[in-house]
Amino acid sequence: MRTSALTTSFIVILALCGSVRALANSAPVPPPIEQGTTDCASSTYASDQLVCSDEALRALDRKLRDLLPLPAIPPGVVIEGQSDWFRRSRLCALRANHYDCLRAAYRERLSVVKALRHIANGLPKWRDANCDGGTMRLAELGHNVVAVEQNHQIWIVLTATELVIWKPFAWARTNGGRLEIHEAGDIVLHCNF
């Protein structure tokens, strides 16, 4: 009986060694492909699969695809690249409210891309504001979207209430009669309005 157990153990160890050797000789797993929108023909991420299975999210993805590629970004505009936004939005899969996070991410990105088109076409109507570091210009670019320009840098920021669900690359909020401009989590500017 003891010999049989040793033989079985030896066979299992040989099988495991063969599996490890096969893994070591296999090709490395490539990184995810660069994407700007969801490809339902080969959905990679859990968020892609959710987008492909939900008509409302697919419609938002199609709207975004129709606005791409991004227009030429004028010098000084601070904006998250499309593939960077896409990868970050796929992290919504780690949130309990996956669907709401993705919907907010798409809404934010659509607003930013539309605002960028307005700036690229020279359409914003700028007004002066008193901010830390001096005077700057603000322009409203649609529902809950503001462009802020100071020292030849322009931030396109969201002022929507969905910030709890999804954190845009840059956003603004009011705090005691002042506008706080945030970029990637840090407060960049304070403005009086």
N, C-alpha and C. Protein backbone atom coordinates (compact mmCIF):
# COMPACT_ATOMS: atom_id res chain seq x y z
N MET A 1 0.82 -1.19 0.00
CA MET A 1 0.00 0.00 0.00
C MET A 1 0.86 1.25 0.00
N ARG A 2 1.93 1.19 0.81
CA ARG A 2 2.83 2.33 0.91
C ARG A 2 3.54 2.57 -0.42
N THR A 3 3.93 1.55 -1.11
CA THR A 3 4.60 1.67 -2.40
C THR A 3 3.67 2.30 -3.42
N SER A 4 2.43 1.94 -3.39
CA SER A 4 1.45 2.49 -4.32
C SER A 4 1.25 3.98 -4.09
N ALA A 5 1.21 4.42 -2.83
CA ALA A 5 1.06 5.84 -2.51
C ALA A 5 2.28 6.62 -2.97
N LEU A 6 3.49 6.06 -2.79
CA LEU A 6 4.71 6.72 -3.25
C LEU A 6 4.74 6.81 -4.77
N THR A 7 4.31 5.76 -5.42
CA THR A 7 4.27 5.75 -6.88
C THR A 7 3.31 6.82 -7.39
N THR A 8 2.14 6.90 -6.77
CA THR A 8 1.15 7.90 -7.15
C THR A 8 1.70 9.31 -6.94
N SER A 9 2.35 9.55 -5.80
CA SER A 9 2.94 10.86 -5.51
C SER A 9 3.99 11.21 -6.54
N PHE A 10 4.83 10.22 -6.90
CA PHE A 10 5.88 10.44 -7.87
C PHE A 10 5.29 10.80 -9.24
N ILE A 11 4.22 10.13 -9.62
CA ILE A 11 3.56 10.41 -10.90
C ILE A 11 2.97 11.81 -10.90
N VAL A 12 2.36 12.22 -9.78
CA VAL A 12 1.78 13.58 -9.67
C VAL A 12 2.88 14.62 -9.78
N ILE A 13 4.02 14.37 -9.11
CA ILE A 13 5.12 15.33 -9.17
C ILE A 13 5.66 15.43 -10.59
N LEU A 14 5.81 14.33 -11.27
CA LEU A 14 6.27 14.37 -12.66
C LEU A 14 5.29 15.13 -13.55
N ALA A 15 4.00 14.92 -13.33
CA ALA A 15 2.99 15.63 -14.12
C ALA A 15 3.06 17.13 -13.87
N LEU A 16 3.23 17.54 -12.60
CA LEU A 16 3.35 18.96 -12.27
C LEU A 16 4.60 19.55 -12.89
N CYS A 17 5.71 18.83 -12.84
CA CYS A 17 6.95 19.32 -13.46
C CYS A 17 6.75 19.52 -14.97
N GLY A 18 6.06 18.60 -15.59
CA GLY A 18 5.77 18.74 -17.02
C GLY A 18 4.91 19.95 -17.30
N SER A 19 3.93 20.23 -16.43
CA SER A 19 3.06 21.40 -16.60
C SER A 19 3.85 22.69 -16.44
N VAL A 20 4.72 22.73 -15.42
CA VAL A 20 5.54 23.92 -15.19
C VAL A 20 6.48 24.14 -16.38
N ARG A 21 7.08 23.07 -16.89
CA ARG A 21 7.97 23.17 -18.04
C ARG A 21 7.20 23.69 -19.26
N ALA A 22 5.98 23.19 -19.45
CA ALA A 22 5.16 23.62 -20.59
C ALA A 22 4.82 25.10 -20.46
N LEU A 23 4.50 25.56 -19.23
CA LEU A 23 4.20 26.98 -19.02
C LEU A 23 5.43 27.84 -19.28
N ALA A 24 6.59 27.36 -18.83
CA ALA A 24 7.82 28.12 -19.01
C ALA A 24 8.15 28.26 -20.50
N ASN A 25 7.79 27.28 -21.29
CA ASN A 25 8.09 27.31 -22.72
C ASN A 25 7.01 27.99 -23.55
N SER A 26 5.88 28.34 -22.95
CA SER A 26 4.80 28.96 -23.70
C SER A 26 5.10 30.45 -23.93
N ALA A 27 4.44 31.02 -24.90
CA ALA A 27 4.63 32.42 -25.24
C ALA A 27 4.07 33.30 -24.12
N PRO A 28 4.69 34.45 -23.86
CA PRO A 28 4.17 35.35 -22.83
C PRO A 28 2.81 35.91 -23.25
N VAL A 29 2.02 36.24 -22.25
CA VAL A 29 0.70 36.82 -22.51
C VAL A 29 0.91 38.28 -22.90
N PRO A 30 0.42 38.71 -24.04
CA PRO A 30 0.63 40.10 -24.46
C PRO A 30 -0.21 41.06 -23.61
N PRO A 31 0.22 42.32 -23.51
CA PRO A 31 -0.59 43.30 -22.78
C PRO A 31 -1.87 43.58 -23.56
N PRO A 32 -2.87 44.15 -22.89
CA PRO A 32 -4.11 44.47 -23.61
C PRO A 32 -3.83 45.42 -24.77
N ILE A 33 -4.60 45.28 -25.83
CA ILE A 33 -4.42 46.16 -26.99
C ILE A 33 -4.90 47.56 -26.64
N GLU A 34 -4.34 48.54 -27.33
CA GLU A 34 -4.77 49.92 -27.14
C GLU A 34 -6.18 50.07 -27.68
N GLN A 35 -7.07 50.60 -26.88
CA GLN A 35 -8.45 50.81 -27.30
C GLN A 35 -8.89 52.18 -26.86
N GLY A 36 -9.81 52.75 -27.59
CA GLY A 36 -10.43 54.01 -27.21
C GLY A 36 -11.90 53.82 -26.93
N THR A 37 -12.48 52.77 -27.51
CA THR A 37 -13.88 52.41 -27.28
C THR A 37 -13.95 50.89 -27.26
N THR A 38 -15.12 50.38 -26.92
CA THR A 38 -15.30 48.94 -26.78
C THR A 38 -15.41 48.26 -28.13
N ASP A 39 -14.74 47.13 -28.26
CA ASP A 39 -14.83 46.30 -29.45
C ASP A 39 -15.61 45.04 -29.05
N CYS A 40 -16.88 44.99 -29.37
CA CYS A 40 -17.73 43.87 -28.96
C CYS A 40 -17.37 42.57 -29.67
N ALA A 41 -16.63 42.65 -30.77
CA ALA A 41 -16.22 41.44 -31.46
C ALA A 41 -15.15 40.68 -30.66
N SER A 42 -14.42 41.41 -29.84
CA SER A 42 -13.40 40.76 -29.00
C SER A 42 -13.30 41.50 -27.67
N SER A 43 -14.37 41.44 -26.90
CA SER A 43 -14.39 42.15 -25.62
C SER A 43 -13.41 41.51 -24.65
N THR A 44 -12.49 42.35 -24.16
CA THR A 44 -11.40 41.89 -23.33
C THR A 44 -11.73 42.00 -21.85
N TYR A 45 -12.23 43.14 -21.46
CA TYR A 45 -12.44 43.45 -20.05
C TYR A 45 -13.88 43.15 -19.63
N ALA A 46 -14.08 42.99 -18.32
CA ALA A 46 -15.43 42.79 -17.79
C ALA A 46 -16.31 43.99 -18.15
N SER A 47 -15.73 45.18 -18.13
CA SER A 47 -16.50 46.38 -18.50
C SER A 47 -16.90 46.34 -19.97
N ASP A 48 -16.03 45.83 -20.84
CA ASP A 48 -16.39 45.68 -22.25
C ASP A 48 -17.59 44.75 -22.39
N GLN A 49 -17.55 43.65 -21.66
CA GLN A 49 -18.64 42.69 -21.74
C GLN A 49 -19.95 43.30 -21.26
N LEU A 50 -19.88 44.15 -20.22
CA LEU A 50 -21.09 44.83 -19.75
C LEU A 50 -21.60 45.81 -20.81
N VAL A 51 -20.69 46.57 -21.41
CA VAL A 51 -21.09 47.52 -22.46
C VAL A 51 -21.75 46.77 -23.62
N CYS A 52 -21.17 45.65 -24.02
CA CYS A 52 -21.70 44.89 -25.16
C CYS A 52 -23.05 44.25 -24.86
N SER A 53 -23.33 44.00 -23.60
CA SER A 53 -24.59 43.35 -23.24
C SER A 53 -25.70 44.33 -22.87
N ASP A 54 -25.39 45.63 -22.80
CA ASP A 54 -26.39 46.61 -22.38
C ASP A 54 -26.57 47.67 -23.48
N GLU A 55 -27.77 47.82 -23.96
CA GLU A 55 -28.02 48.72 -25.09
C GLU A 55 -27.73 50.18 -24.75
N ALA A 56 -28.05 50.63 -23.54
CA ALA A 56 -27.81 52.03 -23.16
C ALA A 56 -26.30 52.33 -23.13
N LEU A 57 -25.51 51.42 -22.56
CA LEU A 57 -24.06 51.63 -22.55
C LEU A 57 -23.47 51.52 -23.95
N ARG A 58 -24.00 50.61 -24.75
CA ARG A 58 -23.51 50.50 -26.14
C ARG A 58 -23.80 51.78 -26.91
N ALA A 59 -24.95 52.40 -26.64
CA ALA A 59 -25.29 53.66 -27.32
C ALA A 59 -24.29 54.76 -26.92
N LEU A 60 -23.93 54.82 -25.64
CA LEU A 60 -22.93 55.81 -25.20
C LEU A 60 -21.58 55.54 -25.86
N ASP A 61 -21.21 54.27 -25.95
CA ASP A 61 -19.95 53.90 -26.59
C ASP A 61 -19.96 54.30 -28.07
N ARG A 62 -21.08 54.09 -28.76
CA ARG A 62 -21.19 54.47 -30.18
C ARG A 62 -21.08 55.99 -30.34
N LYS A 63 -21.73 56.74 -29.43
CA LYS A 63 -21.63 58.21 -29.50
C LYS A 63 -20.18 58.65 -29.37
N LEU A 64 -19.47 58.03 -28.44
CA LEU A 64 -18.07 58.38 -28.25
C LEU A 64 -17.26 58.01 -29.48
N ARG A 65 -17.47 56.83 -30.01
CA ARG A 65 -16.75 56.38 -31.22
C ARG A 65 -16.99 57.37 -32.37
N ASP A 66 -18.22 57.89 -32.48
CA ASP A 66 -18.53 58.83 -33.56
C ASP A 66 -17.78 60.15 -33.41
N LEU A 67 -17.38 60.50 -32.19
CA LEU A 67 -16.66 61.75 -31.95
C LEU A 67 -15.14 61.61 -32.07
N LEU A 68 -14.69 60.39 -32.20
CA LEU A 68 -13.25 60.15 -32.29
C LEU A 68 -12.81 60.12 -33.75
N PRO A 69 -11.57 60.37 -34.05
CA PRO A 69 -10.51 60.64 -33.10
C PRO A 69 -10.65 62.02 -32.50
N LEU A 70 -9.94 62.24 -31.39
CA LEU A 70 -9.97 63.55 -30.75
C LEU A 70 -9.46 64.58 -31.74
N PRO A 71 -10.03 65.79 -31.68
CA PRO A 71 -9.48 66.85 -32.55
C PRO A 71 -8.06 67.17 -32.10
N ALA A 72 -7.34 67.86 -32.94
CA ALA A 72 -5.99 68.29 -32.56
C ALA A 72 -6.09 69.08 -31.26
N ILE A 73 -5.31 68.68 -30.30
CA ILE A 73 -5.38 69.32 -28.98
C ILE A 73 -4.53 70.58 -29.03
N PRO A 74 -5.17 71.74 -28.81
CA PRO A 74 -4.40 72.99 -28.83
C PRO A 74 -3.31 72.98 -27.76
N PRO A 75 -2.22 73.70 -28.00
CA PRO A 75 -1.14 73.76 -27.00
C PRO A 75 -1.69 74.23 -25.64
N GLY A 76 -1.23 73.59 -24.59
CA GLY A 76 -1.61 74.00 -23.24
C GLY A 76 -2.85 73.33 -22.69
N VAL A 77 -3.60 72.60 -23.51
CA VAL A 77 -4.81 71.94 -23.01
C VAL A 77 -4.40 70.69 -22.22
N VAL A 78 -4.88 70.63 -20.98
CA VAL A 78 -4.60 69.49 -20.12
C VAL A 78 -5.76 68.52 -20.24
N ILE A 79 -5.52 67.37 -20.85
CA ILE A 79 -6.59 66.39 -21.08
C ILE A 79 -5.99 64.99 -20.98
N GLU A 80 -6.78 64.07 -20.47
CA GLU A 80 -6.37 62.68 -20.40
C GLU A 80 -6.51 62.06 -21.80
N GLY A 81 -5.49 61.33 -22.23
CA GLY A 81 -5.55 60.68 -23.53
C GLY A 81 -6.69 59.67 -23.59
N GLN A 82 -7.19 59.41 -24.79
CA GLN A 82 -8.34 58.52 -24.95
C GLN A 82 -8.05 57.10 -24.45
N SER A 83 -6.90 56.53 -24.82
CA SER A 83 -6.61 55.16 -24.36
C SER A 83 -6.38 55.12 -22.86
N ASP A 84 -5.83 56.21 -22.28
CA ASP A 84 -5.67 56.26 -20.82
C ASP A 84 -7.04 56.31 -20.14
N TRP A 85 -7.95 57.13 -20.68
CA TRP A 85 -9.31 57.18 -20.13
C TRP A 85 -9.97 55.81 -20.24
N PHE A 86 -9.81 55.17 -21.39
CA PHE A 86 -10.44 53.87 -21.60
C PHE A 86 -9.96 52.85 -20.56
N ARG A 87 -8.65 52.77 -20.37
CA ARG A 87 -8.12 51.81 -19.38
C ARG A 87 -8.63 52.15 -17.98
N ARG A 88 -8.64 53.43 -17.63
CA ARG A 88 -9.10 53.83 -16.30
C ARG A 88 -10.58 53.53 -16.13
N SER A 89 -11.38 53.73 -17.18
CA SER A 89 -12.82 53.47 -17.08
C SER A 89 -13.10 51.98 -16.90
N ARG A 90 -12.23 51.13 -17.40
CA ARG A 90 -12.42 49.69 -17.24
C ARG A 90 -12.26 49.25 -15.79
N LEU A 91 -11.65 50.10 -14.96
CA LEU A 91 -11.53 49.80 -13.53
C LEU A 91 -12.88 49.90 -12.82
N CYS A 92 -13.88 50.43 -13.50
CA CYS A 92 -15.23 50.45 -12.92
C CYS A 92 -15.68 49.03 -12.56
N ALA A 93 -15.12 48.03 -13.21
CA ALA A 93 -15.48 46.63 -12.92
C ALA A 93 -15.17 46.26 -11.48
N LEU A 94 -14.28 47.00 -10.85
CA LEU A 94 -13.91 46.72 -9.47
C LEU A 94 -14.84 47.40 -8.47
N ARG A 95 -15.77 48.19 -8.95
CA ARG A 95 -16.69 48.92 -8.07
C ARG A 95 -17.99 48.14 -7.92
N ALA A 96 -18.61 48.29 -6.78
CA ALA A 96 -19.89 47.62 -6.54
C ALA A 96 -20.96 48.10 -7.51
N ASN A 97 -20.88 49.36 -7.90
CA ASN A 97 -21.84 49.95 -8.84
C ASN A 97 -21.21 50.07 -10.23
N HIS A 98 -20.76 48.96 -10.76
CA HIS A 98 -20.07 48.85 -12.04
C HIS A 98 -20.81 49.60 -13.15
N TYR A 99 -22.10 49.33 -13.30
CA TYR A 99 -22.89 49.93 -14.36
C TYR A 99 -22.93 51.46 -14.21
N ASP A 100 -23.23 51.95 -13.02
CA ASP A 100 -23.33 53.40 -12.80
C ASP A 100 -22.00 54.09 -13.03
N CYS A 101 -20.93 53.44 -12.61
CA CYS A 101 -19.59 53.99 -12.82
C CYS A 101 -19.28 54.13 -14.31
N LEU A 102 -19.57 53.08 -15.07
CA LEU A 102 -19.32 53.14 -16.53
C LEU A 102 -20.17 54.20 -17.20
N ARG A 103 -21.44 54.26 -16.82
CA ARG A 103 -22.33 55.27 -17.42
C ARG A 103 -21.80 56.67 -17.13
N ALA A 104 -21.38 56.92 -15.89
CA ALA A 104 -20.83 58.24 -15.54
C ALA A 104 -19.52 58.51 -16.29
N ALA A 105 -18.69 57.49 -16.45
CA ALA A 105 -17.43 57.64 -17.17
C ALA A 105 -17.68 58.04 -18.62
N TYR A 106 -18.62 57.36 -19.27
CA TYR A 106 -18.95 57.68 -20.66
C TYR A 106 -19.54 59.09 -20.77
N ARG A 107 -20.43 59.44 -19.87
CA ARG A 107 -21.02 60.79 -19.92
C ARG A 107 -19.95 61.86 -19.77
N GLU A 108 -19.04 61.63 -18.83
CA GLU A 108 -17.96 62.59 -18.61
C GLU A 108 -17.10 62.70 -19.86
N ARG A 109 -16.72 61.58 -20.44
CA ARG A 109 -15.83 61.61 -21.61
C ARG A 109 -16.50 62.27 -22.81
N LEU A 110 -17.77 61.99 -23.00
CA LEU A 110 -18.50 62.65 -24.09
C LEU A 110 -18.50 64.16 -23.89
N SER A 111 -18.72 64.62 -22.66
CA SER A 111 -18.71 66.06 -22.37
C SER A 111 -17.34 66.66 -22.64
N VAL A 112 -16.30 65.98 -22.22
CA VAL A 112 -14.94 66.50 -22.41
C VAL A 112 -14.58 66.56 -23.90
N VAL A 113 -14.91 65.52 -24.65
CA VAL A 113 -14.58 65.51 -26.08
C VAL A 113 -15.35 66.62 -26.82
N LYS A 114 -16.62 66.80 -26.48
CA LYS A 114 -17.40 67.88 -27.10
C LYS A 114 -16.79 69.24 -26.74
N ALA A 115 -16.40 69.42 -25.48
CA ALA A 115 -15.79 70.68 -25.05
C ALA A 115 -14.47 70.91 -25.77
N LEU A 116 -13.69 69.87 -25.93
CA LEU A 116 -12.42 69.99 -26.64
C LEU A 116 -12.65 70.44 -28.08
N ARG A 117 -13.70 69.94 -28.70
CA ARG A 117 -14.02 70.38 -30.07
C ARG A 117 -14.36 71.87 -30.10
N HIS A 118 -15.11 72.36 -29.07
CA HIS A 118 -15.43 73.79 -29.00
C HIS A 118 -14.14 74.62 -28.87
N ILE A 119 -13.23 74.17 -28.02
CA ILE A 119 -11.98 74.91 -27.83
C ILE A 119 -11.14 74.87 -29.10
N ALA A 120 -11.04 73.71 -29.73
CA ALA A 120 -10.25 73.59 -30.96
C ALA A 120 -10.80 74.48 -32.07
N ASN A 121 -12.11 74.70 -32.06
CA ASN A 121 -12.75 75.56 -33.07
C ASN A 121 -12.82 77.02 -32.64
N GLY A 122 -12.24 77.36 -31.47
CA GLY A 122 -12.22 78.74 -31.00
C GLY A 122 -13.57 79.29 -30.60
N LEU A 123 -14.49 78.42 -30.17
CA LEU A 123 -15.86 78.85 -29.88
C LEU A 123 -16.14 79.34 -28.46
N PRO A 124 -15.33 79.04 -27.45
CA PRO A 124 -15.75 79.44 -26.11
C PRO A 124 -15.81 80.95 -25.95
N LYS A 125 -16.75 81.38 -25.14
CA LYS A 125 -16.84 82.79 -24.74
C LYS A 125 -16.23 82.88 -23.35
N TRP A 126 -15.04 83.45 -23.28
CA TRP A 126 -14.29 83.49 -22.04
C TRP A 126 -14.70 84.70 -21.20
N ARG A 127 -14.64 84.54 -19.88
CA ARG A 127 -14.84 85.67 -18.96
C ARG A 127 -13.77 85.58 -17.89
N ASP A 128 -13.36 86.74 -17.38
CA ASP A 128 -12.30 86.78 -16.38
C ASP A 128 -12.83 86.35 -15.02
N ALA A 129 -11.95 85.72 -14.25
CA ALA A 129 -12.25 85.31 -12.88
C ALA A 129 -11.01 85.55 -12.04
N ASN A 130 -11.20 85.81 -10.76
CA ASN A 130 -10.10 86.04 -9.84
C ASN A 130 -9.74 84.72 -9.17
N CYS A 131 -8.56 84.22 -9.48
CA CYS A 131 -8.14 82.92 -8.95
C CYS A 131 -6.78 83.05 -8.28
N ASP A 132 -6.44 82.01 -7.51
CA ASP A 132 -5.10 81.96 -6.94
C ASP A 132 -4.10 82.12 -8.08
N GLY A 133 -3.12 82.93 -7.85
CA GLY A 133 -2.12 83.11 -8.90
C GLY A 133 -2.53 84.17 -9.90
N GLY A 134 -3.62 84.89 -9.67
CA GLY A 134 -4.00 85.99 -10.54
C GLY A 134 -5.30 85.77 -11.27
N THR A 135 -5.48 86.52 -12.34
CA THR A 135 -6.70 86.45 -13.13
C THR A 135 -6.62 85.29 -14.10
N MET A 136 -7.73 84.64 -14.27
CA MET A 136 -7.80 83.60 -15.28
C MET A 136 -9.11 83.72 -16.01
N ARG A 137 -9.29 82.91 -17.04
CA ARG A 137 -10.51 82.96 -17.83
C ARG A 137 -11.29 81.67 -17.65
N LEU A 138 -12.61 81.83 -17.60
CA LEU A 138 -13.52 80.69 -17.50
C LEU A 138 -14.46 80.73 -18.70
N ALA A 139 -14.85 79.57 -19.17
CA ALA A 139 -15.84 79.48 -20.25
C ALA A 139 -16.74 78.28 -19.97
N GLU A 140 -18.05 78.50 -20.06
CA GLU A 140 -18.99 77.39 -19.93
C GLU A 140 -19.10 76.72 -21.29
N LEU A 141 -18.96 75.41 -21.29
CA LEU A 141 -18.92 74.67 -22.55
C LEU A 141 -20.01 73.61 -22.62
N GLY A 142 -21.14 73.90 -22.06
CA GLY A 142 -22.21 72.93 -22.06
C GLY A 142 -22.62 72.58 -20.65
N HIS A 143 -23.55 71.66 -20.54
CA HIS A 143 -24.09 71.25 -19.25
C HIS A 143 -23.00 70.69 -18.35
N ASN A 144 -22.74 71.36 -17.24
CA ASN A 144 -21.79 70.92 -16.22
C ASN A 144 -20.34 70.83 -16.69
N VAL A 145 -19.97 71.56 -17.74
CA VAL A 145 -18.59 71.54 -18.22
C VAL A 145 -18.07 72.98 -18.29
N VAL A 146 -16.88 73.17 -17.73
CA VAL A 146 -16.25 74.49 -17.70
C VAL A 146 -14.82 74.33 -18.20
N ALA A 147 -14.36 75.31 -18.96
CA ALA A 147 -12.95 75.38 -19.34
C ALA A 147 -12.32 76.47 -18.50
N VAL A 148 -11.15 76.21 -17.97
CA VAL A 148 -10.44 77.16 -17.12
C VAL A 148 -9.07 77.36 -17.75
N GLU A 149 -8.72 78.63 -17.99
CA GLU A 149 -7.43 78.93 -18.60
C GLU A 149 -6.63 79.83 -17.68
N GLN A 150 -5.39 79.44 -17.43
CA GLN A 150 -4.46 80.26 -16.68
C GLN A 150 -3.05 79.95 -17.16
N ASN A 151 -2.28 80.99 -17.35
CA ASN A 151 -0.88 80.84 -17.77
C ASN A 151 -0.73 79.89 -18.97
N HIS A 152 -1.59 80.07 -19.94
CA HIS A 152 -1.55 79.30 -21.19
C HIS A 152 -1.82 77.81 -21.00
N GLN A 153 -2.46 77.44 -19.91
CA GLN A 153 -2.92 76.07 -19.72
C GLN A 153 -4.43 76.09 -19.60
N ILE A 154 -5.09 75.12 -20.23
CA ILE A 154 -6.55 75.03 -20.19
C ILE A 154 -6.94 73.67 -19.63
N TRP A 155 -7.78 73.69 -18.61
CA TRP A 155 -8.35 72.47 -18.06
C TRP A 155 -9.80 72.41 -18.49
N ILE A 156 -10.24 71.25 -18.93
CA ILE A 156 -11.66 71.02 -19.20
C ILE A 156 -12.16 70.24 -18.01
N VAL A 157 -13.06 70.85 -17.24
CA VAL A 157 -13.45 70.24 -15.97
C VAL A 157 -14.95 70.00 -15.92
N LEU A 158 -15.33 68.97 -15.22
CA LEU A 158 -16.71 68.60 -15.01
C LEU A 158 -17.17 69.15 -13.68
N THR A 159 -18.39 69.63 -13.62
CA THR A 159 -18.94 70.13 -12.36
C THR A 159 -20.18 69.34 -11.97
N ALA A 160 -20.31 68.13 -12.50
CA ALA A 160 -21.51 67.32 -12.29
C ALA A 160 -21.51 66.66 -10.91
N THR A 161 -22.66 66.14 -10.54
CA THR A 161 -22.82 65.50 -9.24
C THR A 161 -22.42 64.04 -9.25
N GLU A 162 -22.07 63.47 -10.40
CA GLU A 162 -21.71 62.05 -10.49
C GLU A 162 -20.29 61.78 -10.00
N LEU A 163 -19.66 62.78 -9.39
CA LEU A 163 -18.28 62.62 -8.96
C LEU A 163 -18.11 61.54 -7.90
N VAL A 164 -19.15 61.21 -7.18
CA VAL A 164 -19.06 60.17 -6.16
C VAL A 164 -18.86 58.81 -6.83
N ILE A 165 -19.47 58.63 -7.99
CA ILE A 165 -19.43 57.35 -8.70
C ILE A 165 -18.16 57.22 -9.53
N TRP A 166 -17.77 58.28 -10.20
CA TRP A 166 -16.65 58.28 -11.15
C TRP A 166 -15.85 59.55 -10.97
N LYS A 167 -14.55 59.46 -10.87
CA LYS A 167 -13.69 60.63 -10.75
C LYS A 167 -13.06 60.95 -12.10
N PRO A 168 -13.49 62.05 -12.71
CA PRO A 168 -12.85 62.46 -13.97
C PRO A 168 -11.39 62.82 -13.74
N PHE A 169 -10.65 62.91 -14.82
CA PHE A 169 -9.24 63.31 -14.75
C PHE A 169 -9.12 64.71 -14.15
N ALA A 170 -10.03 65.60 -14.53
CA ALA A 170 -10.07 66.96 -13.97
C ALA A 170 -11.52 67.29 -13.67
N TRP A 171 -11.76 67.93 -12.53
CA TRP A 171 -13.13 68.29 -12.18
C TRP A 171 -13.11 69.53 -11.30
N ALA A 172 -14.27 70.10 -11.09
CA ALA A 172 -14.41 71.30 -10.27
C ALA A 172 -15.57 71.11 -9.31
N ARG A 173 -15.46 71.77 -8.18
CA ARG A 173 -16.58 71.79 -7.24
C ARG A 173 -16.57 73.12 -6.53
N THR A 174 -17.74 73.51 -6.05
CA THR A 174 -17.83 74.76 -5.30
C THR A 174 -17.61 74.46 -3.83
N ASN A 175 -16.95 75.41 -3.18
CA ASN A 175 -16.66 75.28 -1.75
C ASN A 175 -16.65 76.67 -1.15
N GLY A 176 -17.74 77.02 -0.47
CA GLY A 176 -17.82 78.32 0.19
C GLY A 176 -17.69 79.50 -0.74
N GLY A 177 -18.39 79.48 -1.87
CA GLY A 177 -18.34 80.61 -2.80
C GLY A 177 -17.11 80.63 -3.68
N ARG A 178 -16.33 79.57 -3.63
CA ARG A 178 -15.13 79.47 -4.48
C ARG A 178 -15.23 78.21 -5.33
N LEU A 179 -14.60 78.27 -6.46
CA LEU A 179 -14.54 77.13 -7.36
C LEU A 179 -13.17 76.47 -7.17
N GLU A 180 -13.16 75.18 -6.83
CA GLU A 180 -11.92 74.44 -6.69
C GLU A 180 -11.73 73.61 -7.96
N ILE A 181 -10.59 73.75 -8.59
CA ILE A 181 -10.27 72.97 -9.78
C ILE A 181 -9.34 71.83 -9.33
N HIS A 182 -9.72 70.60 -9.64
CA HIS A 182 -8.94 69.43 -9.28
C HIS A 182 -8.41 68.76 -10.55
N GLU A 183 -7.19 68.25 -10.45
CA GLU A 183 -6.63 67.46 -11.54
C GLU A 183 -6.03 66.21 -10.92
N ALA A 184 -6.51 65.05 -11.36
CA ALA A 184 -6.03 63.75 -10.87
C ALA A 184 -5.98 63.69 -9.35
N GLY A 185 -6.98 64.28 -8.70
CA GLY A 185 -7.10 64.17 -7.25
C GLY A 185 -6.53 65.33 -6.46
N ASP A 186 -5.67 66.14 -7.04
CA ASP A 186 -5.07 67.27 -6.33
C ASP A 186 -5.79 68.56 -6.68
N ILE A 187 -5.91 69.46 -5.70
CA ILE A 187 -6.48 70.78 -5.98
C ILE A 187 -5.42 71.59 -6.70
N VAL A 188 -5.78 72.07 -7.87
CA VAL A 188 -4.84 72.83 -8.70
C VAL A 188 -5.04 74.33 -8.49
N LEU A 189 -6.30 74.78 -8.45
CA LEU A 189 -6.61 76.21 -8.36
C LEU A 189 -7.85 76.45 -7.51
N HIS A 190 -7.92 77.65 -6.93
CA HIS A 190 -9.15 78.15 -6.31
C HIS A 190 -9.53 79.43 -7.05
N CYS A 191 -10.82 79.59 -7.36
CA CYS A 191 -11.29 80.80 -8.05
C CYS A 191 -12.52 81.34 -7.33
N ASN A 192 -12.61 82.67 -7.27
CA ASN A 192 -13.82 83.32 -6.77
C ASN A 192 -14.74 83.55 -7.94
N PHE A 193 -16.02 83.33 -7.71
CA PHE A 193 -16.97 83.56 -8.81
C PHE A 193 -18.15 84.34 -8.30
